[in-house]
Amino acid sequence: MARKHFEHYEAISSAVPADDAFEAVIAVKRRGTDEDAQVFHVANGRRFDLASEADVAAEAALTKVREVSDEGELIWEENAI
């Protein structure tokens, strides 16, 4: 799991269970509020056998997030996806 701080948001990469596998996700939460986090599935929806593999994929994706929009959407580096 990795964290990345933005002006109004915090983003966290993680692996989450999905049936008998794991998916790579990035959760985005507005700082200073009680709003629920918005979860984005990354790695093109690929499922991983090990949580550690999904976590590595999520961390790699998080390094390519340049910013979070005012609406909470991920803004990727150019050519990142």
PDB file of N, CA and C in Angstrom:
ATOM      1  N   MET A   1       0.843  -1.164   0.000  1.00  0.00           N
ATOM      2  CA  MET A   1       0.000   0.000   0.000  1.00  0.00           C
ATOM      3  C   MET A   1       0.894   1.235   0.000  1.00  0.00           C
ATOM      4  N   ALA A   2       0.482   2.194  -0.837  1.00  0.00           N
ATOM      5  CA  ALA A   2       1.210   3.451  -0.915  1.00  0.00           C
ATOM      6  C   ALA A   2       0.208   4.600  -0.846  1.00  0.00           C
ATOM      7  N   ARG A   3       0.673   5.758  -0.388  1.00  0.00           N
ATOM      8  CA  ARG A   3      -0.163   6.955  -0.300  1.00  0.00           C
ATOM      9  C   ARG A   3       0.452   8.059  -1.136  1.00  0.00           C
ATOM     10  N   LYS A   4      -0.441   8.867  -1.668  1.00  0.00           N
ATOM     11  CA  LYS A   4       0.008  10.035  -2.406  1.00  0.00           C
ATOM     12  C   LYS A   4      -0.929  11.181  -2.020  1.00  0.00           C
ATOM     13  N   HIS A   5      -0.354  12.312  -1.636  1.00  0.00           N
ATOM     14  CA  HIS A   5      -1.136  13.446  -1.180  1.00  0.00           C
ATOM     15  C   HIS A   5      -1.249  14.476  -2.294  1.00  0.00           C
ATOM     16  N   PHE A   6      -2.439  15.014  -2.418  1.00  0.00           N
ATOM     17  CA  PHE A   6      -2.722  16.076  -3.376  1.00  0.00           C
ATOM     18  C   PHE A   6      -3.306  17.246  -2.591  1.00  0.00           C
ATOM     19  N   GLU A   7      -3.554  18.356  -3.258  1.00  0.00           N
ATOM     20  CA  GLU A   7      -4.004  19.552  -2.551  1.00  0.00           C
ATOM     21  C   GLU A   7      -5.266  19.292  -1.717  1.00  0.00           C
ATOM     22  N   HIS A   8      -6.268  18.646  -2.300  1.00  0.00           N
ATOM     23  CA  HIS A   8      -7.530  18.439  -1.587  1.00  0.00           C
ATOM     24  C   HIS A   8      -7.858  16.969  -1.344  1.00  0.00           C
ATOM     25  N   TYR A   9      -7.024  16.078  -1.841  1.00  0.00           N
ATOM     26  CA  TYR A   9      -7.322  14.654  -1.776  1.00  0.00           C
ATOM     27  C   TYR A   9      -6.125  13.851  -1.297  1.00  0.00           C
ATOM     28  N   GLU A  10      -6.417  12.650  -0.856  1.00  0.00           N
ATOM     29  CA  GLU A  10      -5.392  11.661  -0.552  1.00  0.00           C
ATOM     30  C   GLU A  10      -5.759  10.409  -1.346  1.00  0.00           C
ATOM     31  N   ALA A  11      -4.766   9.794  -1.967  1.00  0.00           N
ATOM     32  CA  ALA A  11      -4.992   8.574  -2.739  1.00  0.00           C
ATOM     33  C   ALA A  11      -4.161   7.449  -2.134  1.00  0.00           C
ATOM     34  N   ILE A  12      -4.776   6.271  -2.057  1.00  0.00           N
ATOM     35  CA  ILE A  12      -4.120   5.108  -1.463  1.00  0.00           C
ATOM     36  C   ILE A  12      -4.257   3.925  -2.413  1.00  0.00           C
ATOM     37  N   SER A  13      -3.147   3.280  -2.701  1.00  0.00           N
ATOM     38  CA  SER A  13      -3.178   2.075  -3.530  1.00  0.00           C
ATOM     39  C   SER A  13      -3.360   0.866  -2.632  1.00  0.00           C
ATOM     40  N   SER A  14      -4.032  -0.154  -3.169  1.00  0.00           N
ATOM     41  CA  SER A  14      -4.268  -1.340  -2.352  1.00  0.00           C
ATOM     42  C   SER A  14      -4.679  -2.516  -3.220  1.00  0.00           C
ATOM     43  N   ALA A  15      -4.670  -3.690  -2.601  1.00  0.00           N
ATOM     44  CA  ALA A  15      -5.203  -4.908  -3.207  1.00  0.00           C
ATOM     45  C   ALA A  15      -6.486  -5.249  -2.469  1.00  0.00           C
ATOM     46  N   VAL A  16      -7.527  -5.599  -3.207  1.00  0.00           N
ATOM     47  CA  VAL A  16      -8.793  -5.982  -2.576  1.00  0.00           C
ATOM     48  C   VAL A  16      -9.214  -7.358  -3.074  1.00  0.00           C
ATOM     49  N   PRO A  17      -9.832  -8.145  -2.195  1.00  0.00           N
ATOM     50  CA  PRO A  17     -10.296  -9.472  -2.613  1.00  0.00           C
ATOM     51  C   PRO A  17     -11.396  -9.363  -3.664  1.00  0.00           C
ATOM     52  N   ALA A  18     -11.352 -10.288  -4.601  1.00  0.00           N
ATOM     53  CA  ALA A  18     -12.363 -10.370  -5.660  1.00  0.00           C
ATOM     54  C   ALA A  18     -12.579 -11.850  -5.970  1.00  0.00           C
ATOM     55  N   ASP A  19     -13.603 -12.428  -5.366  1.00  0.00           N
ATOM     56  CA  ASP A  19     -13.856 -13.866  -5.486  1.00  0.00           C
ATOM     57  C   ASP A  19     -12.634 -14.624  -4.984  1.00  0.00           C
ATOM     58  N   ASP A  20     -11.998 -15.393  -5.859  1.00  0.00           N
ATOM     59  CA  ASP A  20     -10.840 -16.197  -5.450  1.00  0.00           C
ATOM     60  C   ASP A  20      -9.515 -15.568  -5.867  1.00  0.00           C
ATOM     61  N   ALA A  21      -9.529 -14.241  -6.099  1.00  0.00           N
ATOM     62  CA  ALA A  21      -8.328 -13.542  -6.549  1.00  0.00           C
ATOM     63  C   ALA A  21      -8.288 -12.161  -5.876  1.00  0.00           C
ATOM     64  N   PHE A  22      -7.433 -11.302  -6.402  1.00  0.00           N
ATOM     65  CA  PHE A  22      -7.298  -9.938  -5.886  1.00  0.00           C
ATOM     66  C   PHE A  22      -7.263  -8.958  -7.048  1.00  0.00           C
ATOM     67  N   GLU A  23      -7.768  -7.749  -6.811  1.00  0.00           N
ATOM     68  CA  GLU A  23      -7.722  -6.683  -7.801  1.00  0.00           C
ATOM     69  C   GLU A  23      -6.916  -5.514  -7.257  1.00  0.00           C
ATOM     70  N   ALA A  24      -6.290  -4.782  -8.158  1.00  0.00           N
ATOM     71  CA  ALA A  24      -5.522  -3.596  -7.808  1.00  0.00           C
ATOM     72  C   ALA A  24      -6.450  -2.386  -7.869  1.00  0.00           C
ATOM     73  N   VAL A  25      -6.435  -1.570  -6.811  1.00  0.00           N
ATOM     74  CA  VAL A  25      -7.306  -0.399  -6.765  1.00  0.00           C
ATOM     75  C   VAL A  25      -6.553   0.813  -6.227  1.00  0.00           C
ATOM     76  N   ILE A  26      -7.127   1.977  -6.520  1.00  0.00           N
ATOM     77  CA  ILE A  26      -6.698   3.228  -5.914  1.00  0.00           C
ATOM     78  C   ILE A  26      -7.940   3.848  -5.301  1.00  0.00           C
ATOM     79  N   ALA A  27      -7.889   4.118  -4.005  1.00  0.00           N
ATOM     80  CA  ALA A  27      -8.989   4.768  -3.305  1.00  0.00           C
ATOM     81  C   ALA A  27      -8.645   6.235  -3.120  1.00  0.00           C
ATOM     82  N   VAL A  28      -9.621   7.107  -3.409  1.00  0.00           N
ATOM     83  CA  VAL A  28      -9.414   8.546  -3.327  1.00  0.00           C
ATOM     84  C   VAL A  28     -10.418   9.130  -2.341  1.00  0.00           C
ATOM     85  N   LYS A  29      -9.909   9.917  -1.395  1.00  0.00           N
ATOM     86  CA  LYS A  29     -10.775  10.532  -0.391  1.00  0.00           C
ATOM     87  C   LYS A  29     -10.413  12.003  -0.259  1.00  0.00           C
ATOM     88  N   ARG A  30     -11.479  12.812  -0.219  1.00  0.00           N
ATOM     89  CA  ARG A  30     -11.266  14.256  -0.001  1.00  0.00           C
ATOM     90  C   ARG A  30     -10.820  14.465   1.440  1.00  0.00           C
ATOM     91  N   ARG A  31      -9.792  15.242   1.624  1.00  0.00           N
ATOM     92  CA  ARG A  31      -9.275  15.504   2.975  1.00  0.00           C
ATOM     93  C   ARG A  31     -10.222  16.403   3.763  1.00  0.00           C
ATOM     94  N   GLY A  32     -10.305  16.133   5.050  1.00  0.00           N
ATOM     95  CA  GLY A  32     -11.083  16.980   5.938  1.00  0.00           C
ATOM     96  C   GLY A  32     -12.583  16.782   5.860  1.00  0.00           C
ATOM     97  N   THR A  33     -13.049  15.684   5.261  1.00  0.00           N
ATOM     98  CA  THR A  33     -14.485  15.421   5.177  1.00  0.00           C
ATOM     99  C   THR A  33     -14.774  14.003   5.644  1.00  0.00           C
ATOM    100  N   ASP A  34     -16.041  13.733   5.836  1.00  0.00           N
ATOM    101  CA  ASP A  34     -16.475  12.385   6.192  1.00  0.00           C
ATOM    102  C   ASP A  34     -16.999  11.624   4.980  1.00  0.00           C
ATOM    103  N   GLU A  35     -16.776  12.154   3.779  1.00  0.00           N
ATOM    104  CA  GLU A  35     -17.243  11.499   2.562  1.00  0.00           C
ATOM    105  C   GLU A  35     -16.580  10.133   2.416  1.00  0.00           C
ATOM    106  N   ASP A  36     -17.299   9.204   1.805  1.00  0.00           N
ATOM    107  CA  ASP A  36     -16.723   7.901   1.510  1.00  0.00           C
ATOM    108  C   ASP A  36     -15.656   8.034   0.435  1.00  0.00           C
ATOM    109  N   ALA A  37     -14.696   7.145   0.474  1.00  0.00           N
ATOM    110  CA  ALA A  37     -13.656   7.121  -0.554  1.00  0.00           C
ATOM    111  C   ALA A  37     -14.243   6.598  -1.864  1.00  0.00           C
ATOM    112  N   GLN A  38     -13.737   7.099  -2.951  1.00  0.00           N
ATOM    113  CA  GLN A  38     -14.110   6.604  -4.280  1.00  0.00           C
ATOM    114  C   GLN A  38     -13.029   5.625  -4.704  1.00  0.00           C
ATOM    115  N   VAL A  39     -13.419   4.450  -5.173  1.00  0.00           N
ATOM    116  CA  VAL A  39     -12.460   3.402  -5.511  1.00  0.00           C
ATOM    117  C   VAL A  39     -12.382   3.243  -7.023  1.00  0.00           C
ATOM    118  N   PHE A  40     -11.152   3.256  -7.540  1.00  0.00           N
ATOM    119  CA  PHE A  40     -10.890   3.074  -8.962  1.00  0.00           C
ATOM    120  C   PHE A  40     -10.132   1.765  -9.164  1.00  0.00           C
ATOM    121  N   HIS A  41     -10.658   0.900 -10.000  1.00  0.00           N
ATOM    122  CA  HIS A  41      -9.964  -0.344 -10.335  1.00  0.00           C
ATOM    123  C   HIS A  41      -8.925  -0.025 -11.406  1.00  0.00           C
ATOM    124  N   VAL A  42      -7.707  -0.488 -11.196  1.00  0.00           N
ATOM    125  CA  VAL A  42      -6.615  -0.230 -12.134  1.00  0.00           C
ATOM    126  C   VAL A  42      -6.099  -1.557 -12.675  1.00  0.00           C
ATOM    127  N   ALA A  43      -5.079  -1.544 -13.486  1.00  0.00           N
ATOM    128  CA  ALA A  43      -4.482  -2.735 -14.113  1.00  0.00           C
ATOM    129  C   ALA A  43      -5.470  -3.379 -15.086  1.00  0.00           C
ATOM    130  N   ASN A  44      -6.283  -2.529 -15.734  1.00  0.00           N
ATOM    131  CA  ASN A  44      -7.233  -2.994 -16.747  1.00  0.00           C
ATOM    132  C   ASN A  44      -8.151  -4.093 -16.237  1.00  0.00           C
ATOM    133  N   GLY A  45      -8.494  -4.047 -14.965  1.00  0.00           N
ATOM    134  CA  GLY A  45      -9.395  -5.030 -14.398  1.00  0.00           C
ATOM    135  C   GLY A  45      -8.804  -6.416 -14.215  1.00  0.00           C
ATOM    136  N   ARG A  46      -7.522  -6.535 -14.430  1.00  0.00           N
ATOM    137  CA  ARG A  46      -6.856  -7.837 -14.279  1.00  0.00           C
ATOM    138  C   ARG A  46      -6.970  -8.330 -12.841  1.00  0.00           C
ATOM    139  N   ARG A  47      -7.105  -9.621 -12.668  1.00  0.00           N
ATOM    140  CA  ARG A  47      -7.136 -10.228 -11.336  1.00  0.00           C
ATOM    141  C   ARG A  47      -5.820 -10.958 -11.092  1.00  0.00           C
ATOM    142  N   PHE A  48      -5.379 -10.913  -9.851  1.00  0.00           N
ATOM    143  CA  PHE A  48      -4.095 -11.487  -9.473  1.00  0.00           C
ATOM    144  C   PHE A  48      -4.312 -12.616  -8.477  1.00  0.00           C
ATOM    145  N   ASP A  49      -3.461 -13.632  -8.547  1.00  0.00           N
ATOM    146  CA  ASP A  49      -3.547 -14.753  -7.616  1.00  0.00           C
ATOM    147  C   ASP A  49      -3.132 -14.354  -6.204  1.00  0.00           C
ATOM    148  N   LEU A  50      -2.170 -13.451  -6.101  1.00  0.00           N
ATOM    149  CA  LEU A  50      -1.631 -13.041  -4.804  1.00  0.00           C
ATOM    150  C   LEU A  50      -1.954 -11.575  -4.520  1.00  0.00           C
ATOM    151  N   ALA A  51      -2.267 -11.272  -3.272  1.00  0.00           N
ATOM    152  CA  ALA A  51      -2.518  -9.888  -2.874  1.00  0.00           C
ATOM    153  C   ALA A  51      -1.292  -9.025  -3.125  1.00  0.00           C
ATOM    154  N   SER A  52      -0.123  -9.592  -2.907  1.00  0.00           N
ATOM    155  CA  SER A  52       1.114  -8.814  -3.097  1.00  0.00           C
ATOM    156  C   SER A  52       1.291  -8.402  -4.556  1.00  0.00           C
ATOM    157  N   GLU A  53       0.863  -9.242  -5.490  1.00  0.00           N
ATOM    158  CA  GLU A  53       0.958  -8.888  -6.917  1.00  0.00           C
ATOM    159  C   GLU A  53       0.005  -7.741  -7.251  1.00  0.00           C
ATOM    160  N   ALA A  54      -1.204  -7.804  -6.726  1.00  0.00           N
ATOM    161  CA  ALA A  54      -2.175  -6.735  -6.963  1.00  0.00           C
ATOM    162  C   ALA A  54      -1.701  -5.438  -6.317  1.00  0.00           C
ATOM    163  N   ASP A  55      -1.096  -5.543  -5.156  1.00  0.00           N
ATOM    164  CA  ASP A  55      -0.593  -4.365  -4.459  1.00  0.00           C
ATOM    165  C   ASP A  55       0.517  -3.688  -5.261  1.00  0.00           C
ATOM    166  N   VAL A  56       1.409  -4.469  -5.833  1.00  0.00           N
ATOM    167  CA  VAL A  56       2.484  -3.916  -6.661  1.00  0.00           C
ATOM    168  C   VAL A  56       1.902  -3.195  -7.882  1.00  0.00           C
ATOM    169  N   ALA A  57       0.897  -3.794  -8.511  1.00  0.00           N
ATOM    170  CA  ALA A  57       0.260  -3.175  -9.677  1.00  0.00           C
ATOM    171  C   ALA A  57      -0.433  -1.870  -9.288  1.00  0.00           C
ATOM    172  N   ALA A  58      -1.089  -1.860  -8.140  1.00  0.00           N
ATOM    173  CA  ALA A  58      -1.771  -0.649  -7.673  1.00  0.00           C
ATOM    174  C   ALA A  58      -0.769   0.456  -7.351  1.00  0.00           C
ATOM    175  N   GLU A  59       0.327   0.096  -6.708  1.00  0.00           N
ATOM    176  CA  GLU A  59       1.364   1.087  -6.396  1.00  0.00           C
ATOM    177  C   GLU A  59       1.965   1.668  -7.670  1.00  0.00           C
ATOM    178  N   ALA A  60       2.201   0.825  -8.659  1.00  0.00           N
ATOM    179  CA  ALA A  60       2.755   1.298  -9.935  1.00  0.00           C
ATOM    180  C   ALA A  60       1.781   2.271 -10.605  1.00  0.00           C
ATOM    181  N   ALA A  61       0.499   1.960 -10.552  1.00  0.00           N
ATOM    182  CA  ALA A  61      -0.502   2.851 -11.140  1.00  0.00           C
ATOM    183  C   ALA A  61      -0.542   4.179 -10.407  1.00  0.00           C
ATOM    184  N   LEU A  62      -0.453   4.138  -9.082  1.00  0.00           N
ATOM    185  CA  LEU A  62      -0.509   5.366  -8.294  1.00  0.00           C
ATOM    186  C   LEU A  62       0.639   6.313  -8.636  1.00  0.00           C
ATOM    187  N   THR A  63       1.792   5.784  -8.973  1.00  0.00           N
ATOM    188  CA  THR A  63       2.922   6.654  -9.334  1.00  0.00           C
ATOM    189  C   THR A  63       2.637   7.439 -10.605  1.00  0.00           C
ATOM    190  N   LYS A  64       1.660   6.992 -11.411  1.00  0.00           N
ATOM    191  CA  LYS A  64       1.326   7.661 -12.675  1.00  0.00           C
ATOM    192  C   LYS A  64       0.158   8.623 -12.550  1.00  0.00           C
ATOM    193  N   VAL A  65      -0.398   8.739 -11.352  1.00  0.00           N
ATOM    194  CA  VAL A  65      -1.470   9.710 -11.122  1.00  0.00           C
ATOM    195  C   VAL A  65      -0.823  11.063 -10.866  1.00  0.00           C
ATOM    196  N   ARG A  66      -1.185  12.029 -11.714  1.00  0.00           N
ATOM    197  CA  ARG A  66      -0.598  13.361 -11.624  1.00  0.00           C
ATOM    198  C   ARG A  66      -1.351  14.258 -10.650  1.00  0.00           C
ATOM    199  N   GLU A  67      -2.687  14.091 -10.608  1.00  0.00           N
ATOM    200  CA  GLU A  67      -3.526  14.954  -9.778  1.00  0.00           C
ATOM    201  C   GLU A  67      -4.895  14.301  -9.640  1.00  0.00           C
ATOM    202  N   VAL A  68      -5.707  14.840  -8.762  1.00  0.00           N
ATOM    203  CA  VAL A  68      -7.096  14.430  -8.614  1.00  0.00           C
ATOM    204  C   VAL A  68      -7.940  15.664  -8.905  1.00  0.00           C
ATOM    205  N   SER A  69      -8.928  15.522  -9.799  1.00  0.00           N
ATOM    206  CA  SER A  69      -9.760  16.668 -10.184  1.00  0.00           C
ATOM    207  C   SER A  69     -10.647  17.098  -9.021  1.00  0.00           C
ATOM    208  N   ASP A  70     -11.289  18.247  -9.163  1.00  0.00           N
ATOM    209  CA  ASP A  70     -12.192  18.742  -8.124  1.00  0.00           C
ATOM    210  C   ASP A  70     -13.351  17.776  -7.883  1.00  0.00           C
ATOM    211  N   GLU A  71     -13.675  16.968  -8.890  1.00  0.00           N
ATOM    212  CA  GLU A  71     -14.753  15.988  -8.778  1.00  0.00           C
ATOM    213  C   GLU A  71     -14.269  14.645  -8.232  1.00  0.00           C
ATOM    214  N   GLY A  72     -12.980  14.540  -7.929  1.00  0.00           N
ATOM    215  CA  GLY A  72     -12.435  13.305  -7.373  1.00  0.00           C
ATOM    216  C   GLY A  72     -11.992  12.286  -8.399  1.00  0.00           C
ATOM    217  N   GLU A  73     -11.872  12.687  -9.656  1.00  0.00           N
ATOM    218  CA  GLU A  73     -11.414  11.786 -10.716  1.00  0.00           C
ATOM    219  C   GLU A  73      -9.887  11.825 -10.822  1.00  0.00           C
ATOM    220  N   LEU A  74      -9.313  10.684 -11.142  1.00  0.00           N
ATOM    221  CA  LEU A  74      -7.856  10.605 -11.296  1.00  0.00           C
ATOM    222  C   LEU A  74      -7.424  11.286 -12.586  1.00  0.00           C
ATOM    223  N   ILE A  75      -6.362  12.056 -12.507  1.00  0.00           N
ATOM    224  CA  ILE A  75      -5.752  12.681 -13.678  1.00  0.00           C
ATOM    225  C   ILE A  75      -4.393  12.027 -13.847  1.00  0.00           C
ATOM    226  N   TRP A  76      -4.256  11.318 -14.959  1.00  0.00           N
ATOM    227  CA  TRP A  76      -3.059  10.507 -15.197  1.00  0.00           C
ATOM    228  C   TRP A  76      -1.995  11.301 -15.929  1.00  0.00           C
ATOM    229  N   GLU A  77      -0.751  10.877 -15.758  1.00  0.00           N
ATOM    230  CA  GLU A  77       0.340  11.424 -16.571  1.00  0.00           C
ATOM    231  C   GLU A  77       0.030  11.130 -18.033  1.00  0.00           C
ATOM    232  N   GLU A  78       0.540  11.953 -18.896  1.00  0.00           N
ATOM    233  CA  GLU A  78       0.335  11.749 -20.312  1.00  0.00           C
ATOM    234  C   GLU A  78       0.893  10.383 -20.715  1.00  0.00           C
ATOM    235  N   ASN A  79       0.152   9.639 -21.512  1.00  0.00           N
ATOM    236  CA  ASN A  79       0.519   8.294 -21.988  1.00  0.00           C
ATOM    237  C   ASN A  79       0.597   7.254 -20.878  1.00  0.00           C
ATOM    238  N   ALA A  80      -0.018   7.515 -19.737  1.00  0.00           N
ATOM    239  CA  ALA A  80       0.060   6.566 -18.622  1.00  0.00           C
ATOM    240  C   ALA A  80      -0.920   5.409 -18.788  1.00  0.00           C
ATOM    241  N   ILE A  81      -2.034   5.638 -19.469  1.00  0.00           N
ATOM    242  CA  ILE A  81      -2.996   4.547 -19.624  1.00  0.00           C
ATOM    243  C   ILE A  81      -3.328   4.321 -21.082  1.00  0.00           C
TER     244      ILE A  81
END
